[in-house]
Amino acid sequence: MAYEATLLLGVLVVASAVFMTAAGGAPSLEGWPRHALQAFLVSVLAAYFLWCWLRGGQTLPMKAWHIRLVVPGRASVPPGRALLRFVLAAVLVPTGISLLWALFDPEKQFLHDRIVGTRLVSVPR
């Protein structure tokens, strides 16, 4: 998760620069410009994760750690499940609930994966 967070920091910095440039400079981040930036950044994160998960089931850090997102019995992750996984992970991971769940889950799966029906599996090297 630390590797993913480091990569995402770079993605968010670039996305913020794009937003600021498109807005004609650094707008006051009060009111609607702040909400617009937040919505834009969440959209960028969703696009990053969905693109990676739908095109092979792996983000760059997942490739480095030989982990793949799968749906048992399916060749690929359906878009609806990928989107639901993103939304649930965005809510559950920051609270620690999903991480705590994984510590006690018999198969070490996250709560958001259990709910959505996805699994993280090891990929042979």
N, C-alpha and C. Protein backbone atom coordinates (compact mmCIF):
# COMPACT_ATOMS: atom_id res chain seq x y z
N MET A 1 0.82 -1.19 0.00
CA MET A 1 0.00 0.00 0.00
C MET A 1 0.86 1.26 0.00
N ALA A 2 2.03 1.19 0.63
CA ALA A 2 2.92 2.35 0.64
C ALA A 2 3.42 2.64 -0.77
N TYR A 3 3.73 1.62 -1.54
CA TYR A 3 4.19 1.78 -2.92
C TYR A 3 3.07 2.41 -3.75
N GLU A 4 1.86 1.93 -3.58
CA GLU A 4 0.70 2.47 -4.31
C GLU A 4 0.49 3.94 -3.92
N ALA A 5 0.59 4.26 -2.64
CA ALA A 5 0.39 5.63 -2.18
C ALA A 5 1.45 6.57 -2.75
N THR A 6 2.68 6.11 -2.85
CA THR A 6 3.75 6.92 -3.42
C THR A 6 3.48 7.22 -4.89
N LEU A 7 3.06 6.22 -5.62
CA LEU A 7 2.73 6.40 -7.03
C LEU A 7 1.54 7.35 -7.17
N LEU A 8 0.52 7.17 -6.33
CA LEU A 8 -0.67 8.01 -6.40
C LEU A 8 -0.38 9.46 -6.05
N LEU A 9 0.58 9.69 -5.17
CA LEU A 9 0.96 11.06 -4.84
C LEU A 9 1.43 11.79 -6.10
N GLY A 10 2.27 11.13 -6.89
CA GLY A 10 2.73 11.71 -8.15
C GLY A 10 1.58 11.96 -9.12
N VAL A 11 0.68 10.99 -9.22
CA VAL A 11 -0.48 11.13 -10.12
C VAL A 11 -1.33 12.32 -9.68
N LEU A 12 -1.55 12.47 -8.38
CA LEU A 12 -2.38 13.56 -7.88
C LEU A 12 -1.71 14.92 -8.03
N VAL A 13 -0.40 14.98 -7.90
CA VAL A 13 0.32 16.24 -8.10
C VAL A 13 0.18 16.68 -9.56
N VAL A 14 0.38 15.76 -10.48
CA VAL A 14 0.24 16.09 -11.91
C VAL A 14 -1.21 16.48 -12.22
N ALA A 15 -2.18 15.74 -11.69
CA ALA A 15 -3.59 16.05 -11.94
C ALA A 15 -3.94 17.42 -11.37
N SER A 16 -3.41 17.75 -10.20
CA SER A 16 -3.67 19.07 -9.61
C SER A 16 -3.09 20.17 -10.48
N ALA A 17 -1.90 19.95 -11.02
CA ALA A 17 -1.28 20.94 -11.90
C ALA A 17 -2.12 21.13 -13.17
N VAL A 18 -2.63 20.04 -13.70
CA VAL A 18 -3.50 20.12 -14.89
C VAL A 18 -4.75 20.93 -14.56
N PHE A 19 -5.35 20.65 -13.41
CA PHE A 19 -6.56 21.37 -12.99
C PHE A 19 -6.26 22.86 -12.84
N MET A 20 -5.18 23.18 -12.15
CA MET A 20 -4.82 24.59 -11.92
C MET A 20 -4.54 25.31 -13.23
N THR A 21 -3.87 24.64 -14.14
CA THR A 21 -3.58 25.24 -15.45
C THR A 21 -4.88 25.48 -16.22
N ALA A 22 -5.76 24.50 -16.22
CA ALA A 22 -7.04 24.64 -16.92
C ALA A 22 -7.90 25.73 -16.28
N ALA A 23 -7.74 25.94 -14.98
CA ALA A 23 -8.51 26.96 -14.27
C ALA A 23 -7.91 28.35 -14.44
N GLY A 24 -6.80 28.44 -15.16
CA GLY A 24 -6.18 29.74 -15.39
C GLY A 24 -5.32 30.21 -14.23
N GLY A 25 -4.71 29.30 -13.54
CA GLY A 25 -3.87 29.64 -12.40
C GLY A 25 -4.43 29.03 -11.15
N ALA A 26 -3.82 29.36 -10.04
CA ALA A 26 -4.26 28.79 -8.76
C ALA A 26 -5.49 29.54 -8.27
N PRO A 27 -6.67 28.92 -8.41
CA PRO A 27 -7.87 29.59 -7.92
C PRO A 27 -7.93 29.53 -6.40
N SER A 28 -8.73 30.37 -5.83
CA SER A 28 -8.98 30.30 -4.40
C SER A 28 -9.66 28.97 -4.14
N LEU A 29 -9.10 28.19 -3.25
CA LEU A 29 -9.68 26.87 -2.99
C LEU A 29 -10.74 26.95 -1.90
N GLU A 30 -11.64 27.86 -2.07
CA GLU A 30 -12.81 28.00 -1.20
C GLU A 30 -14.03 27.77 -2.06
N GLY A 31 -15.07 27.22 -1.46
CA GLY A 31 -16.33 27.06 -2.18
C GLY A 31 -16.24 26.07 -3.32
N TRP A 32 -16.87 26.42 -4.45
CA TRP A 32 -16.99 25.48 -5.56
C TRP A 32 -15.65 25.10 -6.20
N PRO A 33 -14.63 26.00 -6.28
CA PRO A 33 -13.36 25.53 -6.87
C PRO A 33 -12.74 24.38 -6.07
N ARG A 34 -12.87 24.44 -4.76
CA ARG A 34 -12.34 23.36 -3.92
C ARG A 34 -13.07 22.05 -4.21
N HIS A 35 -14.39 22.11 -4.28
CA HIS A 35 -15.18 20.91 -4.56
C HIS A 35 -14.91 20.39 -5.97
N ALA A 36 -14.72 21.29 -6.91
CA ALA A 36 -14.40 20.88 -8.28
C ALA A 36 -13.05 20.16 -8.33
N LEU A 37 -12.06 20.70 -7.62
CA LEU A 37 -10.75 20.04 -7.57
C LEU A 37 -10.86 18.67 -6.92
N GLN A 38 -11.59 18.57 -5.81
CA GLN A 38 -11.75 17.28 -5.14
C GLN A 38 -12.44 16.26 -6.05
N ALA A 39 -13.49 16.69 -6.72
CA ALA A 39 -14.20 15.78 -7.64
C ALA A 39 -13.29 15.36 -8.78
N PHE A 40 -12.50 16.28 -9.30
CA PHE A 40 -11.56 15.97 -10.37
C PHE A 40 -10.53 14.94 -9.91
N LEU A 41 -9.97 15.13 -8.71
CA LEU A 41 -8.95 14.21 -8.21
C LEU A 41 -9.53 12.82 -7.94
N VAL A 42 -10.74 12.75 -7.41
CA VAL A 42 -11.38 11.44 -7.20
C VAL A 42 -11.62 10.76 -8.55
N SER A 43 -12.02 11.55 -9.55
CA SER A 43 -12.23 11.00 -10.90
C SER A 43 -10.93 10.47 -11.49
N VAL A 44 -9.83 11.19 -11.27
CA VAL A 44 -8.53 10.74 -11.76
C VAL A 44 -8.14 9.43 -11.08
N LEU A 45 -8.33 9.34 -9.76
CA LEU A 45 -8.01 8.09 -9.04
C LEU A 45 -8.88 6.94 -9.54
N ALA A 46 -10.16 7.20 -9.72
CA ALA A 46 -11.07 6.16 -10.23
C ALA A 46 -10.62 5.70 -11.61
N ALA A 47 -10.28 6.65 -12.48
CA ALA A 47 -9.83 6.29 -13.83
C ALA A 47 -8.56 5.45 -13.78
N TYR A 48 -7.62 5.83 -12.92
CA TYR A 48 -6.37 5.08 -12.79
C TYR A 48 -6.63 3.63 -12.36
N PHE A 49 -7.38 3.47 -11.26
CA PHE A 49 -7.62 2.12 -10.76
C PHE A 49 -8.47 1.30 -11.72
N LEU A 50 -9.54 1.88 -12.25
CA LEU A 50 -10.39 1.13 -13.17
C LEU A 50 -9.63 0.73 -14.42
N TRP A 51 -8.86 1.63 -14.97
CA TRP A 51 -8.08 1.32 -16.17
C TRP A 51 -7.13 0.14 -15.89
N CYS A 52 -6.44 0.19 -14.75
CA CYS A 52 -5.50 -0.89 -14.41
C CYS A 52 -6.22 -2.20 -14.13
N TRP A 53 -7.27 -2.17 -13.35
CA TRP A 53 -7.98 -3.39 -12.98
C TRP A 53 -8.70 -4.02 -14.16
N LEU A 54 -9.20 -3.20 -15.07
CA LEU A 54 -9.93 -3.75 -16.22
C LEU A 54 -8.99 -4.22 -17.32
N ARG A 55 -7.75 -3.78 -17.30
CA ARG A 55 -6.77 -4.17 -18.31
C ARG A 55 -5.71 -5.08 -17.71
N GLY A 56 -6.10 -6.16 -17.11
CA GLY A 56 -5.14 -7.12 -16.60
C GLY A 56 -5.20 -7.34 -15.10
N GLY A 57 -5.99 -6.54 -14.38
CA GLY A 57 -6.16 -6.77 -12.96
C GLY A 57 -5.03 -6.31 -12.07
N GLN A 58 -4.11 -5.48 -12.59
CA GLN A 58 -2.96 -5.08 -11.80
C GLN A 58 -2.60 -3.62 -12.01
N THR A 59 -2.33 -2.92 -10.90
CA THR A 59 -1.70 -1.61 -10.97
C THR A 59 -0.19 -1.86 -11.03
N LEU A 60 0.59 -0.82 -11.24
CA LEU A 60 2.04 -1.00 -11.29
C LEU A 60 2.59 -1.60 -10.00
N PRO A 61 2.20 -1.10 -8.82
CA PRO A 61 2.68 -1.75 -7.59
C PRO A 61 2.21 -3.19 -7.45
N MET A 62 1.01 -3.49 -7.91
CA MET A 62 0.53 -4.87 -7.85
C MET A 62 1.40 -5.77 -8.74
N LYS A 63 1.84 -5.25 -9.88
CA LYS A 63 2.74 -6.02 -10.76
C LYS A 63 4.07 -6.28 -10.05
N ALA A 64 4.58 -5.25 -9.38
CA ALA A 64 5.86 -5.40 -8.67
C ALA A 64 5.78 -6.43 -7.55
N TRP A 65 4.63 -6.52 -6.90
CA TRP A 65 4.44 -7.45 -5.79
C TRP A 65 3.78 -8.75 -6.24
N HIS A 66 3.58 -8.92 -7.54
CA HIS A 66 3.02 -10.15 -8.11
C HIS A 66 1.64 -10.48 -7.51
N ILE A 67 0.77 -9.47 -7.52
CA ILE A 67 -0.60 -9.61 -7.02
C ILE A 67 -1.54 -9.22 -8.15
N ARG A 68 -2.64 -9.96 -8.29
CA ARG A 68 -3.63 -9.65 -9.33
C ARG A 68 -5.03 -9.64 -8.70
N LEU A 69 -5.85 -8.74 -9.20
CA LEU A 69 -7.26 -8.69 -8.80
C LEU A 69 -8.05 -9.57 -9.75
N VAL A 70 -8.82 -10.50 -9.19
CA VAL A 70 -9.61 -11.42 -10.02
C VAL A 70 -11.01 -11.54 -9.46
N VAL A 71 -11.89 -12.04 -10.30
CA VAL A 71 -13.23 -12.47 -9.88
C VAL A 71 -13.27 -13.96 -10.18
N PRO A 72 -13.39 -14.80 -9.15
CA PRO A 72 -13.40 -16.24 -9.38
C PRO A 72 -14.43 -16.64 -10.44
N GLY A 73 -13.99 -17.47 -11.38
CA GLY A 73 -14.87 -17.97 -12.43
C GLY A 73 -15.03 -17.03 -13.61
N ARG A 74 -14.32 -15.92 -13.63
CA ARG A 74 -14.41 -14.97 -14.74
C ARG A 74 -13.02 -14.71 -15.29
N ALA A 75 -12.98 -14.42 -16.58
CA ALA A 75 -11.71 -14.15 -17.25
C ALA A 75 -11.15 -12.78 -16.86
N SER A 76 -12.03 -11.83 -16.58
CA SER A 76 -11.58 -10.49 -16.21
C SER A 76 -12.56 -9.89 -15.19
N VAL A 77 -12.17 -8.78 -14.62
CA VAL A 77 -13.00 -8.09 -13.64
C VAL A 77 -14.04 -7.26 -14.38
N PRO A 78 -15.34 -7.48 -14.12
CA PRO A 78 -16.36 -6.67 -14.78
C PRO A 78 -16.29 -5.21 -14.32
N PRO A 79 -16.57 -4.27 -15.22
CA PRO A 79 -16.49 -2.84 -14.87
C PRO A 79 -17.31 -2.46 -13.64
N GLY A 80 -18.50 -2.99 -13.50
CA GLY A 80 -19.34 -2.65 -12.35
C GLY A 80 -18.71 -3.07 -11.04
N ARG A 81 -18.11 -4.24 -11.02
CA ARG A 81 -17.45 -4.72 -9.80
C ARG A 81 -16.20 -3.90 -9.51
N ALA A 82 -15.47 -3.53 -10.55
CA ALA A 82 -14.27 -2.71 -10.35
C ALA A 82 -14.65 -1.36 -9.76
N LEU A 83 -15.71 -0.76 -10.28
CA LEU A 83 -16.15 0.54 -9.77
C LEU A 83 -16.64 0.42 -8.33
N LEU A 84 -17.42 -0.60 -8.03
CA LEU A 84 -17.90 -0.80 -6.66
C LEU A 84 -16.73 -1.06 -5.71
N ARG A 85 -15.73 -1.81 -6.16
CA ARG A 85 -14.55 -2.05 -5.34
C ARG A 85 -13.83 -0.75 -5.04
N PHE A 86 -13.70 0.11 -6.05
CA PHE A 86 -13.05 1.40 -5.85
C PHE A 86 -13.80 2.23 -4.81
N VAL A 87 -15.11 2.32 -4.95
CA VAL A 87 -15.93 3.12 -4.03
C VAL A 87 -15.82 2.58 -2.60
N LEU A 88 -15.99 1.28 -2.45
CA LEU A 88 -15.92 0.69 -1.10
C LEU A 88 -14.52 0.82 -0.50
N ALA A 89 -13.49 0.62 -1.30
CA ALA A 89 -12.13 0.77 -0.81
C ALA A 89 -11.87 2.22 -0.39
N ALA A 90 -12.39 3.17 -1.16
CA ALA A 90 -12.20 4.58 -0.83
C ALA A 90 -12.84 4.94 0.51
N VAL A 91 -13.90 4.22 0.87
CA VAL A 91 -14.57 4.47 2.14
C VAL A 91 -13.96 3.64 3.27
N LEU A 92 -13.71 2.37 3.02
CA LEU A 92 -13.30 1.44 4.09
C LEU A 92 -11.81 1.45 4.42
N VAL A 93 -10.95 1.63 3.43
CA VAL A 93 -9.51 1.58 3.71
C VAL A 93 -9.06 2.74 4.61
N PRO A 94 -9.45 3.99 4.34
CA PRO A 94 -9.00 5.07 5.22
C PRO A 94 -9.48 4.93 6.67
N THR A 95 -10.60 4.27 6.89
CA THR A 95 -11.09 4.07 8.26
C THR A 95 -10.34 2.95 8.97
N GLY A 96 -9.64 2.12 8.22
CA GLY A 96 -8.93 0.99 8.80
C GLY A 96 -9.76 -0.27 8.92
N ILE A 97 -11.05 -0.16 8.66
CA ILE A 97 -11.94 -1.31 8.82
C ILE A 97 -11.54 -2.45 7.88
N SER A 98 -11.29 -2.13 6.64
CA SER A 98 -10.96 -3.16 5.66
C SER A 98 -9.61 -3.82 5.97
N LEU A 99 -8.67 -3.02 6.45
CA LEU A 99 -7.35 -3.56 6.79
C LEU A 99 -7.43 -4.45 8.02
N LEU A 100 -8.20 -4.01 9.01
CA LEU A 100 -8.39 -4.83 10.21
C LEU A 100 -9.08 -6.13 9.87
N TRP A 101 -10.06 -6.07 8.98
CA TRP A 101 -10.76 -7.27 8.54
C TRP A 101 -9.77 -8.28 7.95
N ALA A 102 -8.86 -7.80 7.12
CA ALA A 102 -7.90 -8.69 6.44
C ALA A 102 -7.00 -9.42 7.44
N LEU A 103 -6.73 -8.81 8.58
CA LEU A 103 -5.89 -9.46 9.58
C LEU A 103 -6.55 -10.72 10.14
N PHE A 104 -7.88 -10.72 10.20
CA PHE A 104 -8.60 -11.85 10.79
C PHE A 104 -9.31 -12.72 9.77
N ASP A 105 -9.33 -12.30 8.52
CA ASP A 105 -9.96 -13.09 7.47
C ASP A 105 -9.14 -14.35 7.23
N PRO A 106 -9.78 -15.52 7.14
CA PRO A 106 -9.03 -16.77 6.96
C PRO A 106 -8.17 -16.78 5.69
N GLU A 107 -8.59 -16.06 4.66
CA GLU A 107 -7.82 -16.02 3.40
C GLU A 107 -7.10 -14.69 3.22
N LYS A 108 -7.06 -13.86 4.28
CA LYS A 108 -6.37 -12.56 4.27
C LYS A 108 -6.90 -11.61 3.19
N GLN A 109 -8.21 -11.69 2.91
CA GLN A 109 -8.84 -10.81 1.92
C GLN A 109 -9.41 -9.58 2.64
N PHE A 110 -9.43 -8.45 1.92
CA PHE A 110 -9.99 -7.22 2.46
C PHE A 110 -11.51 -7.29 2.49
N LEU A 111 -12.11 -6.51 3.38
CA LEU A 111 -13.57 -6.48 3.50
C LEU A 111 -14.22 -6.03 2.19
N HIS A 112 -13.65 -5.02 1.54
CA HIS A 112 -14.25 -4.55 0.29
C HIS A 112 -14.20 -5.62 -0.79
N ASP A 113 -13.18 -6.47 -0.78
CA ASP A 113 -13.12 -7.58 -1.74
C ASP A 113 -14.18 -8.64 -1.40
N ARG A 114 -14.37 -8.91 -0.12
CA ARG A 114 -15.39 -9.87 0.29
C ARG A 114 -16.77 -9.40 -0.15
N ILE A 115 -17.06 -8.12 0.04
CA ILE A 115 -18.37 -7.58 -0.31
C ILE A 115 -18.62 -7.64 -1.81
N VAL A 116 -17.61 -7.26 -2.59
CA VAL A 116 -17.77 -7.16 -4.05
C VAL A 116 -17.62 -8.50 -4.75
N GLY A 117 -16.94 -9.45 -4.12
CA GLY A 117 -16.73 -10.75 -4.74
C GLY A 117 -15.45 -10.82 -5.56
N THR A 118 -14.54 -9.90 -5.28
CA THR A 118 -13.23 -9.94 -5.92
C THR A 118 -12.23 -10.56 -4.97
N ARG A 119 -11.08 -10.92 -5.51
CA ARG A 119 -10.02 -11.52 -4.69
C ARG A 119 -8.67 -11.01 -5.16
N LEU A 120 -7.75 -10.86 -4.24
CA LEU A 120 -6.36 -10.59 -4.58
C LEU A 120 -5.63 -11.93 -4.51
N VAL A 121 -4.98 -12.29 -5.60
CA VAL A 121 -4.27 -13.57 -5.66
C VAL A 121 -2.81 -13.33 -6.03
N SER A 122 -1.96 -14.25 -5.61
CA SER A 122 -0.56 -14.19 -5.99
C SER A 122 -0.40 -14.67 -7.43
N VAL A 123 0.46 -13.97 -8.15
CA VAL A 123 0.76 -14.34 -9.53
C VAL A 123 2.12 -15.03 -9.55
N PRO A 124 2.21 -16.20 -10.17
CA PRO A 124 3.51 -16.86 -10.22
C PRO A 124 4.55 -15.99 -10.91
N ARG A 125 5.77 -16.03 -10.40
CA ARG A 125 6.86 -15.22 -10.96
C ARG A 125 7.42 -15.85 -12.20
